[in-house]
Amino acid sequence: MSTEPTGSSSPTGTPAGARSRPRLIITRKDVRYAGWVAFFAWVFSVYDYILFGTLLPKIADDFGWSTEYSTAIATIVSVGTFVVALCVGPLVDRIGRRRGLIFTTVGAALSSGLTAISPWAWWLVVVRFISGLGYSEQAVNSTYLNEMYAAAEQSGERVKSKGLTYSFIQGGWPVGVLFAAAMTAVLLPVTGWREIFAIATFPAIVIAILGRKLKETPQFLRMKQVRELLRAGRHDEAAQLASDYGIPLREEERSGGERSPLRALFEPRQRKHTIFLSAAFLLNWFGVQVFAVLGTTVLTNGPGVSFSSTLVVLIVSNGVAYIGYLVHGIVGDKIGRRETIMAGWLLSGISYALMLFVVHGYVGVLATYSIGLFFLIGPYSALLFYMGESYPTRMRGTGTSVVNAMGPIGAILGGALLTGLLTAGLNMSLAALIAGALAIFLSGFLMLGARRIRPGAPPIDQEDLPPSVAAA
């Protein structure tokens, strides 16, 4: 990373920050490399995360679990995933975006490897908690790449169609699911579920090693400099440096205190946005848990598709979902990401309802499941980028990770609701309609309460929202 000293005066008479305030250059080459590393890190994190749900019927057979018991186990795993994921955001705001990406990728490798050697059921449940690190990869990617794109533009590099570019990276979700389904279809007849988990361990380690060559974002390095001055008691210098960088400091920070990043998410200017965005994300994950994570269980016990045929459905539908990522990335750049997310989730809820109660036959199920996934998963290319651009730098990692952590809570509640409805005697189709399709539909409406950001607006870095940002 090249540097050029800049000047202004400090209280000591020397240029303020002459030694510590470099001009940080991010090139298009840096952005491309970061994008490829983030993409593959996300692919193998998704492979590990989604594989548990895909193989759950086979794992249940191996351990002798009933359908209700296996969905309850999935719910318990989601609890641990949430706890782990919630810790990632504040960590990334402390140790940096680059180190956070490496840390979460290593976590995904550990999750896969330890699952593969599970000697008994409860070992498997506990080690699946670690999958929360891999799941958090998307929040880290969102924070990191938002700042890299902005830094490249500040360095004079032009990044075209940021939403479309990010959609390729976030599209690692359907690619990871496709890979998991393909490996299951090819290897399960000749090996077992353990070996399929083991495959993900070594590629994830390689990606973590490649991540060591990533550059840290200038935004984080500047914030780190300000925090170091504050901790050293050099409050006036910190205030001056923060002013030069355009980083807002609150009164308690100027006097040496520091506000918790989690508490900052509920400041007056952030509260409504955080609540509605978190609620929408949480409710949408009811549907993700029901139709994506537990898709094989729903399809085999609902429409009555055979397990081998469900793997074909997953492969085809996730190929369609990848196209959905690209489409929603393009549309989000044009009309706004919040509006794109909202429309997609409304259409997804309708499609899954049609799959459960209207269409008949394998082709109809394949078509409606694929359309549902197109509009359920595709908007996440806009959503994750939207999360990063809608919070200031000082809380961007925490904001994206906390909202992202609502996913496992939604999975917990969605899985618990599905289990409860099945235990109460409802059939799988009706239970999936209530716990999945309806929840997805409602999540689209909740996005109305989140902050609207006009197309082309830069990430928020000021305490006072710029004119390009309008409250909902």
Protein backbone atom coordinates (compact mmCIF):
# COMPACT_ATOMS: atom_id res chain seq x y z
CA MET A 1 0.00 0.00 0.00
CA SER A 2 1.64 3.22 -1.12
CA THR A 3 1.66 6.25 1.11
CA GLU A 4 2.13 9.97 0.77
CA PRO A 5 2.41 12.12 3.90
CA THR A 6 -0.03 14.97 4.25
CA GLY A 7 0.32 18.01 6.42
CA SER A 8 -1.51 20.28 8.82
CA SER A 9 -0.38 21.44 12.22
CA SER A 10 -0.58 19.65 15.52
CA PRO A 11 -0.52 21.01 19.08
CA THR A 12 3.15 20.11 19.28
CA GLY A 13 4.08 22.25 16.29
CA THR A 14 4.79 19.33 13.96
CA PRO A 15 2.49 18.38 11.13
CA ALA A 16 -0.54 16.72 12.68
CA GLY A 17 -0.41 13.07 11.87
CA ALA A 18 2.59 13.51 9.52
CA ARG A 19 3.92 10.19 10.73
CA SER A 20 0.57 8.52 11.29
CA ARG A 21 -1.76 10.02 8.68
CA PRO A 22 -0.75 8.55 5.30
CA ARG A 23 -2.70 8.79 2.11
CA LEU A 24 -3.84 5.21 1.53
CA ILE A 25 -4.11 4.03 -2.06
CA ILE A 26 -6.45 1.23 -3.16
CA THR A 27 -6.22 0.17 -6.81
CA ARG A 28 -8.62 -1.76 -9.04
CA LYS A 29 -6.19 -4.69 -8.79
CA ASP A 30 -6.59 -4.63 -4.99
CA VAL A 31 -10.38 -4.58 -5.37
CA ARG A 32 -10.38 -7.47 -7.85
CA TYR A 33 -8.17 -9.61 -5.64
CA ALA A 34 -10.32 -8.83 -2.59
CA GLY A 35 -13.42 -9.77 -4.59
CA TRP A 36 -12.08 -13.17 -5.65
CA VAL A 37 -10.90 -14.05 -2.14
CA ALA A 38 -14.22 -12.94 -0.65
CA PHE A 39 -16.14 -14.96 -3.27
CA PHE A 40 -14.34 -18.25 -2.64
CA ALA A 41 -14.33 -17.70 1.12
CA TRP A 42 -18.12 -17.32 0.96
CA VAL A 43 -18.57 -20.35 -1.34
CA PHE A 44 -16.86 -22.71 1.09
CA SER A 45 -18.48 -21.11 4.12
CA VAL A 46 -21.89 -21.66 2.51
CA TYR A 47 -20.92 -25.21 1.56
CA ASP A 48 -20.25 -25.98 5.22
CA TYR A 49 -23.27 -24.05 6.51
CA ILE A 50 -25.89 -25.43 4.12
CA LEU A 51 -24.57 -28.99 4.04
CA PHE A 52 -25.88 -29.71 7.53
CA GLY A 53 -29.45 -29.00 6.42
CA THR A 54 -29.01 -30.83 3.11
CA LEU A 55 -27.69 -33.98 4.79
CA LEU A 56 -29.96 -33.75 7.83
CA PRO A 57 -32.24 -36.61 6.67
CA LYS A 58 -29.20 -38.90 6.29
CA ILE A 59 -27.62 -37.74 9.55
CA ALA A 60 -30.99 -38.36 11.25
CA ASP A 61 -31.07 -41.91 9.85
CA ASP A 62 -27.51 -42.51 11.09
CA PHE A 63 -28.32 -41.35 14.63
CA GLY A 64 -31.89 -42.68 14.68
CA TRP A 65 -33.68 -39.29 14.91
CA SER A 66 -37.34 -38.71 14.02
CA THR A 67 -38.31 -35.82 11.69
CA GLU A 68 -39.50 -33.72 14.64
CA TYR A 69 -36.32 -34.46 16.61
CA SER A 70 -34.05 -33.63 13.66
CA THR A 71 -35.74 -30.24 13.12
CA ALA A 72 -35.36 -29.58 16.86
CA ILE A 73 -31.63 -30.37 16.59
CA ALA A 74 -31.38 -27.92 13.68
CA THR A 75 -33.00 -25.30 15.92
CA ILE A 76 -30.48 -25.90 18.72
CA VAL A 77 -27.64 -25.58 16.21
CA SER A 78 -29.11 -22.24 15.10
CA VAL A 79 -28.96 -20.98 18.70
CA GLY A 80 -25.22 -21.60 18.85
CA THR A 81 -24.76 -20.12 15.39
CA PHE A 82 -26.46 -16.91 16.52
CA VAL A 83 -24.30 -16.53 19.62
CA VAL A 84 -21.10 -16.96 17.59
CA ALA A 85 -22.27 -14.69 14.75
CA LEU A 86 -23.22 -11.91 17.18
CA CYS A 87 -19.65 -11.74 18.45
CA VAL A 88 -18.11 -11.31 15.00
CA GLY A 89 -19.24 -7.70 14.34
CA PRO A 90 -17.60 -5.96 17.32
CA LEU A 91 -14.52 -8.13 16.70
CA VAL A 92 -14.25 -6.96 13.08
CA ASP A 93 -14.60 -3.33 14.20
CA ARG A 94 -11.65 -3.97 16.54
CA ILE A 95 -9.20 -6.24 14.69
CA GLY A 96 -9.95 -5.10 11.14
CA ARG A 97 -11.83 -6.21 8.05
CA ARG A 98 -8.97 -8.25 6.56
CA ARG A 99 -8.26 -10.21 9.72
CA GLY A 100 -11.98 -10.72 10.22
CA LEU A 101 -12.29 -12.33 6.78
CA ILE A 102 -9.40 -14.69 7.51
CA PHE A 103 -10.77 -15.53 10.97
CA THR A 104 -14.24 -16.44 9.70
CA THR A 105 -12.84 -18.54 6.85
CA VAL A 106 -10.70 -20.55 9.27
CA GLY A 107 -13.84 -20.99 11.39
CA ALA A 108 -15.67 -22.53 8.43
CA ALA A 109 -12.80 -24.97 7.88
CA LEU A 110 -12.85 -26.00 11.55
CA SER A 111 -16.61 -26.45 11.45
CA SER A 112 -16.40 -28.82 8.47
CA GLY A 113 -13.44 -30.79 9.80
CA LEU A 114 -14.81 -31.30 13.31
CA THR A 115 -18.23 -32.28 11.91
CA ALA A 116 -16.60 -34.95 9.75
CA ILE A 117 -15.07 -36.68 12.80
CA SER A 118 -18.16 -36.45 15.04
CA PRO A 119 -18.11 -39.54 17.33
CA TRP A 120 -21.61 -38.98 18.76
CA ALA A 121 -24.70 -36.82 18.27
CA TRP A 122 -24.04 -34.09 20.82
CA TRP A 123 -20.48 -33.59 19.61
CA LEU A 124 -21.96 -32.82 16.20
CA VAL A 125 -24.45 -30.36 17.68
CA VAL A 126 -21.75 -28.46 19.59
CA VAL A 127 -19.23 -28.25 16.73
CA ARG A 128 -21.95 -26.99 14.39
CA PHE A 129 -22.04 -23.87 16.57
CA ILE A 130 -18.72 -22.94 14.94
CA SER A 131 -20.53 -22.69 11.61
CA GLY A 132 -21.64 -19.26 12.89
CA LEU A 133 -18.18 -18.01 11.92
CA GLY A 134 -18.63 -19.20 8.35
CA TYR A 135 -22.14 -17.77 8.23
CA SER A 136 -20.74 -14.39 9.34
CA GLU A 137 -18.49 -14.36 6.29
CA GLN A 138 -21.16 -12.48 4.31
CA ALA A 139 -21.34 -9.67 6.87
CA VAL A 140 -17.55 -9.35 6.90
CA ASN A 141 -17.51 -9.35 3.08
CA SER A 142 -20.16 -6.63 2.97
CA THR A 143 -18.24 -4.39 5.37
CA TYR A 144 -14.88 -5.02 3.72
CA LEU A 145 -15.94 -4.63 0.09
CA ASN A 146 -18.11 -1.55 0.72
CA GLU A 147 -15.06 0.18 2.14
CA MET A 148 -12.72 -1.14 -0.58
CA TYR A 149 -15.00 0.15 -3.35
CA ALA A 150 -15.26 3.57 -1.69
CA ALA A 151 -11.49 3.72 -1.06
CA ALA A 152 -10.72 2.83 -4.69
CA GLU A 153 -12.96 5.67 -5.90
CA GLN A 154 -11.26 8.06 -3.46
CA SER A 155 -7.94 6.95 -4.96
CA GLY A 156 -9.13 7.92 -8.44
CA GLU A 157 -10.15 4.43 -9.56
CA ARG A 158 -13.61 3.95 -11.03
CA VAL A 159 -15.66 1.00 -9.82
CA LYS A 160 -18.55 0.42 -12.22
CA SER A 161 -21.87 -1.11 -11.15
CA LYS A 162 -20.90 -1.80 -7.54
CA GLY A 163 -24.15 -3.63 -6.87
CA LEU A 164 -23.64 -5.94 -9.85
CA THR A 165 -20.00 -6.53 -8.88
CA TYR A 166 -21.01 -7.42 -5.33
CA SER A 167 -23.80 -9.68 -6.62
CA PHE A 168 -21.17 -11.94 -8.22
CA ILE A 169 -19.48 -12.27 -4.83
CA GLN A 170 -22.63 -12.72 -2.76
CA GLY A 171 -23.68 -15.21 -5.44
CA GLY A 172 -21.30 -17.56 -3.68
CA TRP A 173 -24.37 -18.67 -1.71
CA PRO A 174 -26.09 -20.56 -4.56
CA VAL A 175 -22.69 -21.71 -5.84
CA GLY A 176 -21.92 -23.11 -2.39
CA VAL A 177 -25.35 -24.77 -2.21
CA LEU A 178 -24.89 -26.16 -5.73
CA PHE A 179 -21.51 -27.56 -4.74
CA ALA A 180 -22.96 -29.10 -1.58
CA ALA A 181 -25.86 -30.70 -3.51
CA ALA A 182 -23.56 -31.95 -6.28
CA MET A 183 -21.05 -33.47 -3.85
CA THR A 184 -23.92 -35.11 -1.97
CA ALA A 185 -25.40 -36.57 -5.17
CA VAL A 186 -22.03 -37.89 -6.38
CA LEU A 187 -20.38 -39.05 -3.15
CA LEU A 188 -23.19 -40.10 -0.81
CA PRO A 189 -23.88 -43.39 -2.63
CA VAL A 190 -20.22 -44.43 -2.35
CA THR A 191 -19.02 -42.78 0.88
CA GLY A 192 -20.98 -41.20 3.74
CA TRP A 193 -22.02 -37.80 5.04
CA ARG A 194 -18.80 -37.39 7.04
CA GLU A 195 -16.56 -37.49 3.98
CA ILE A 196 -18.68 -34.86 2.25
CA PHE A 197 -18.04 -32.47 5.16
CA ALA A 198 -14.32 -33.25 5.12
CA ILE A 199 -14.01 -32.03 1.52
CA ALA A 200 -14.59 -28.39 2.55
CA THR A 201 -11.78 -28.27 5.12
CA PHE A 202 -8.72 -27.90 2.89
CA PRO A 203 -10.04 -25.37 0.30
CA ALA A 204 -11.16 -23.10 3.16
CA ILE A 205 -7.66 -23.23 4.67
CA VAL A 206 -6.15 -22.30 1.28
CA ILE A 207 -8.51 -19.31 1.01
CA ALA A 208 -7.52 -18.19 4.52
CA ILE A 209 -3.85 -18.27 3.47
CA LEU A 210 -4.62 -16.24 0.32
CA GLY A 211 -6.42 -13.73 2.56
CA ARG A 212 -3.10 -12.80 4.16
CA LYS A 213 -2.26 -10.84 0.99
CA LEU A 214 -5.37 -8.68 1.24
CA LYS A 215 -5.02 -4.99 2.07
CA GLU A 216 -6.79 -3.50 5.06
CA THR A 217 -9.30 -0.78 4.22
CA PRO A 218 -8.16 2.84 4.67
CA GLN A 219 -11.40 3.61 6.52
CA PHE A 220 -10.61 1.08 9.24
CA LEU A 221 -6.95 2.15 9.49
CA ARG A 222 -8.02 5.77 9.98
CA MET A 223 -10.52 4.85 12.66
CA LYS A 224 -7.84 2.71 14.31
CA GLN A 225 -5.45 5.68 14.38
CA VAL A 226 -8.06 7.87 16.06
CA ARG A 227 -8.84 5.19 18.65
CA GLU A 228 -5.14 4.70 19.45
CA LEU A 229 -4.74 8.42 20.10
CA LEU A 230 -7.81 8.40 22.34
CA ARG A 231 -6.50 5.43 24.33
CA ALA A 232 -3.14 7.21 24.70
CA GLY A 233 -4.93 10.21 26.21
CA ARG A 234 -4.11 12.48 23.24
CA HIS A 235 -7.69 13.66 22.91
CA ASP A 236 -7.06 16.94 21.08
CA GLU A 237 -4.92 15.22 18.45
CA ALA A 238 -7.53 12.52 18.07
CA ALA A 239 -10.28 15.11 17.59
CA GLN A 240 -8.20 16.96 14.98
CA LEU A 241 -7.35 13.79 13.10
CA ALA A 242 -10.96 12.62 13.20
CA SER A 243 -12.06 16.00 11.84
CA ASP A 244 -9.53 15.77 9.00
CA TYR A 245 -10.77 12.30 8.14
CA GLY A 246 -14.44 13.22 8.39
CA ILE A 247 -14.98 10.80 11.28
CA PRO A 248 -17.56 12.07 13.79
CA LEU A 249 -16.63 11.80 17.47
CA ARG A 250 -19.23 12.03 20.19
CA GLU A 251 -18.67 14.07 23.32
CA GLU A 252 -17.73 11.07 25.45
CA GLU A 253 -15.19 9.97 22.83
CA ARG A 254 -13.60 13.41 22.71
CA SER A 255 -13.04 13.23 26.46
CA GLY A 256 -11.48 9.78 26.31
CA GLY A 257 -14.55 7.58 26.67
CA GLU A 258 -15.79 5.22 24.03
CA ARG A 259 -19.37 4.21 23.26
CA SER A 260 -20.15 0.54 22.77
CA PRO A 261 -20.69 -0.20 19.05
CA LEU A 262 -23.76 -2.26 19.97
CA ARG A 263 -25.25 0.66 21.90
CA ALA A 264 -24.49 3.01 19.02
CA LEU A 265 -26.81 1.03 16.75
CA PHE A 266 -29.75 2.28 18.79
CA GLU A 267 -28.85 5.96 18.82
CA PRO A 268 -31.77 8.16 17.63
CA ARG A 269 -30.48 8.41 14.05
CA GLN A 270 -29.89 4.67 13.78
CA ARG A 271 -32.66 3.16 15.92
CA LYS A 272 -35.55 2.90 13.47
CA HIS A 273 -33.32 1.65 10.67
CA THR A 274 -31.70 -0.98 12.91
CA ILE A 275 -35.02 -2.25 14.30
CA PHE A 276 -36.84 -2.57 10.97
CA LEU A 277 -33.86 -3.97 9.06
CA SER A 278 -33.17 -6.51 11.82
CA ALA A 279 -36.83 -7.54 12.02
CA ALA A 280 -37.07 -7.98 8.24
CA PHE A 281 -33.86 -10.02 8.16
CA LEU A 282 -35.03 -12.16 11.10
CA LEU A 283 -38.46 -12.89 9.62
CA ASN A 284 -37.02 -13.62 6.19
CA TRP A 285 -34.80 -16.25 7.74
CA PHE A 286 -37.90 -18.14 8.85
CA GLY A 287 -38.27 -18.82 5.13
CA VAL A 288 -34.57 -19.45 4.52
CA GLN A 289 -34.58 -22.08 7.29
CA VAL A 290 -37.76 -23.74 6.02
CA PHE A 291 -37.14 -23.70 2.27
CA ALA A 292 -33.35 -23.50 1.86
CA VAL A 293 -31.70 -25.08 4.92
CA LEU A 294 -34.46 -27.69 5.47
CA GLY A 295 -35.43 -27.82 1.79
CA THR A 296 -34.89 -31.57 1.43
CA THR A 297 -37.00 -32.27 4.52
CA VAL A 298 -39.85 -30.00 3.33
CA LEU A 299 -39.86 -31.35 -0.22
CA THR A 300 -39.82 -35.00 0.82
CA ASN A 301 -42.51 -34.60 3.49
CA GLY A 302 -44.61 -31.88 1.80
CA PRO A 303 -45.02 -32.22 -1.97
CA GLY A 304 -43.69 -35.77 -1.60
CA VAL A 305 -40.57 -35.54 -3.78
CA SER A 306 -38.05 -38.37 -3.35
CA PHE A 307 -34.70 -37.58 -1.70
CA SER A 308 -32.72 -38.20 -4.90
CA SER A 309 -35.09 -35.93 -6.82
CA THR A 310 -34.77 -33.18 -4.20
CA LEU A 311 -31.04 -33.02 -4.96
CA VAL A 312 -31.91 -32.30 -8.60
CA VAL A 313 -34.35 -29.61 -7.44
CA LEU A 314 -31.63 -28.03 -5.28
CA ILE A 315 -29.08 -28.05 -8.11
CA VAL A 316 -31.44 -26.53 -10.69
CA SER A 317 -33.04 -24.02 -8.32
CA ASN A 318 -29.70 -22.75 -7.02
CA GLY A 319 -28.49 -22.29 -10.59
CA VAL A 320 -31.59 -20.12 -11.10
CA ALA A 321 -30.91 -18.38 -7.76
CA TYR A 322 -27.43 -17.37 -8.95
CA ILE A 323 -29.05 -15.59 -11.89
CA GLY A 324 -31.32 -14.01 -9.27
CA TYR A 325 -28.27 -12.55 -7.54
CA LEU A 326 -27.11 -10.89 -10.74
CA VAL A 327 -30.57 -9.60 -11.63
CA HIS A 328 -31.20 -8.14 -8.18
CA GLY A 329 -27.71 -6.60 -8.16
CA ILE A 330 -28.42 -4.80 -11.45
CA VAL A 331 -31.93 -3.73 -10.45
CA GLY A 332 -30.68 -2.51 -7.06
CA ASP A 333 -28.17 -0.21 -8.79
CA LYS A 334 -30.99 1.25 -10.89
CA ILE A 335 -34.02 1.66 -8.60
CA GLY A 336 -32.55 1.35 -5.11
CA ARG A 337 -31.61 -1.69 -3.05
CA ARG A 338 -34.33 -1.40 -0.42
CA GLU A 339 -37.07 -1.39 -3.06
CA THR A 340 -35.46 -4.33 -4.88
CA ILE A 341 -35.28 -6.42 -1.70
CA MET A 342 -38.86 -5.62 -0.79
CA ALA A 343 -40.32 -6.63 -4.19
CA GLY A 344 -38.29 -9.85 -4.35
CA TRP A 345 -39.42 -11.14 -0.96
CA LEU A 346 -43.08 -10.43 -1.64
CA LEU A 347 -42.90 -12.45 -4.87
CA SER A 348 -40.98 -15.25 -3.15
CA GLY A 349 -43.66 -15.73 -0.49
CA ILE A 350 -46.33 -15.99 -3.18
CA SER A 351 -44.31 -18.52 -5.20
CA TYR A 352 -43.75 -20.86 -2.24
CA ALA A 353 -47.43 -20.71 -1.34
CA LEU A 354 -48.24 -21.82 -4.91
CA MET A 355 -45.72 -24.66 -4.64
CA LEU A 356 -47.28 -26.01 -1.45
CA PHE A 357 -50.97 -25.83 -2.37
CA VAL A 358 -51.60 -25.08 -6.04
CA VAL A 359 -49.16 -26.82 -8.38
CA HIS A 360 -49.01 -30.59 -8.79
CA GLY A 361 -46.32 -32.86 -10.14
CA TYR A 362 -42.55 -32.77 -10.16
CA VAL A 363 -42.19 -30.14 -12.92
CA GLY A 364 -44.55 -27.74 -11.11
CA VAL A 365 -42.69 -28.16 -7.83
CA LEU A 366 -39.34 -27.64 -9.57
CA ALA A 367 -40.57 -24.46 -11.29
CA THR A 368 -42.20 -22.82 -8.26
CA TYR A 369 -39.39 -23.80 -5.88
CA SER A 370 -36.85 -22.32 -8.31
CA ILE A 371 -38.85 -19.09 -8.71
CA GLY A 372 -39.27 -18.87 -4.95
CA LEU A 373 -35.53 -19.25 -4.43
CA PHE A 374 -34.80 -16.71 -7.20
CA PHE A 375 -36.76 -14.07 -5.26
CA LEU A 376 -35.79 -15.27 -1.76
CA ILE A 377 -32.02 -15.60 -2.13
CA GLY A 378 -31.41 -13.27 -5.09
CA PRO A 379 -32.22 -10.07 -3.12
CA TYR A 380 -29.39 -10.87 -0.69
CA SER A 381 -26.92 -9.53 -3.25
CA ALA A 382 -28.63 -6.16 -2.79
CA LEU A 383 -29.31 -6.66 0.93
CA LEU A 384 -25.75 -7.33 2.10
CA PHE A 385 -24.40 -4.38 0.11
CA TYR A 386 -27.27 -2.24 1.40
CA MET A 387 -26.44 -3.17 5.00
CA GLY A 388 -22.87 -2.00 4.57
CA GLU A 389 -23.70 1.30 2.87
CA SER A 390 -26.43 2.20 5.38
CA TYR A 391 -24.20 2.40 8.49
CA PRO A 392 -21.28 4.77 9.26
CA THR A 393 -17.71 3.44 9.30
CA ARG A 394 -17.41 3.49 13.11
CA MET A 395 -20.22 0.94 13.43
CA ARG A 396 -20.31 -0.63 9.96
CA GLY A 397 -18.84 -3.97 11.00
CA THR A 398 -21.03 -4.13 14.09
CA GLY A 399 -24.16 -3.02 12.22
CA THR A 400 -23.86 -5.51 9.39
CA SER A 401 -22.92 -8.36 11.74
CA VAL A 402 -25.71 -7.67 14.25
CA VAL A 403 -28.33 -7.54 11.50
CA ASN A 404 -26.75 -10.60 9.91
CA ALA A 405 -26.92 -12.39 13.28
CA MET A 406 -30.70 -12.03 13.14
CA GLY A 407 -30.54 -14.79 10.52
CA PRO A 408 -29.78 -17.56 13.03
CA ILE A 409 -32.46 -16.16 15.37
CA GLY A 410 -34.91 -16.35 12.49
CA ALA A 411 -33.71 -19.88 11.82
CA ILE A 412 -34.23 -20.75 15.50
CA LEU A 413 -37.73 -19.32 15.60
CA GLY A 414 -38.65 -20.61 12.16
CA GLY A 415 -37.36 -24.08 12.94
CA ALA A 416 -39.09 -24.05 16.33
CA LEU A 417 -42.36 -22.90 14.76
CA LEU A 418 -42.14 -25.57 12.07
CA THR A 419 -41.40 -28.23 14.70
CA GLY A 420 -44.25 -26.99 16.90
CA LEU A 421 -46.74 -27.01 14.04
CA LEU A 422 -45.72 -30.53 13.02
CA THR A 423 -45.94 -31.74 16.62
CA ALA A 424 -49.42 -30.19 16.88
CA GLY A 425 -50.53 -32.41 14.01
CA LEU A 426 -50.37 -30.10 10.98
CA ASN A 427 -49.06 -31.61 7.77
CA MET A 428 -45.76 -30.39 6.32
CA SER A 429 -47.37 -28.28 3.56
CA LEU A 430 -49.51 -26.23 5.95
CA ALA A 431 -46.71 -25.94 8.50
CA ALA A 432 -44.27 -24.71 5.80
CA LEU A 433 -46.85 -22.20 4.54
CA ILE A 434 -47.19 -20.61 7.99
CA ALA A 435 -43.58 -20.85 9.15
CA GLY A 436 -42.02 -20.13 5.75
CA ALA A 437 -44.05 -18.57 2.93
CA LEU A 438 -46.06 -16.17 5.10
CA ALA A 439 -42.95 -15.07 7.01
CA ILE A 440 -41.11 -14.28 3.77
CA PHE A 441 -44.05 -12.23 2.51
CA LEU A 442 -44.22 -10.20 5.74
CA SER A 443 -40.45 -9.57 5.71
CA GLY A 444 -40.87 -7.67 2.46
CA PHE A 445 -43.30 -5.24 4.11
CA LEU A 446 -40.95 -4.67 7.05
CA MET A 447 -38.29 -3.28 4.69
CA LEU A 448 -40.48 -0.18 4.33
CA GLY A 449 -39.25 0.92 7.76
CA ALA A 450 -35.56 0.68 6.85
CA ARG A 451 -33.56 3.66 5.59
CA ARG A 452 -33.94 4.56 1.94
CA ILE A 453 -30.69 5.23 0.08
CA ARG A 454 -30.95 6.61 -3.43
CA PRO A 455 -29.09 4.79 -6.23
CA GLY A 456 -25.46 5.89 -6.53
CA ALA A 457 -25.24 7.37 -3.03
CA PRO A 458 -21.92 6.72 -1.20
CA PRO A 459 -21.74 4.76 2.08
CA ILE A 460 -22.79 6.86 5.08
CA ASP A 461 -19.83 8.27 6.99
CA GLN A 462 -21.30 11.37 8.56
CA GLU A 463 -23.38 11.72 11.70
CA ASP A 464 -25.81 13.93 9.79
CA LEU A 465 -27.22 11.94 6.90
CA PRO A 466 -26.30 13.43 3.48
CA PRO A 467 -29.01 14.70 1.11
CA SER A 468 -28.79 11.45 -0.90
CA VAL A 469 -30.21 9.59 2.07
CA ALA A 470 -33.86 9.94 2.97
CA ALA A 471 -35.58 8.53 6.00
CA ALA A 472 -38.31 6.01 5.23
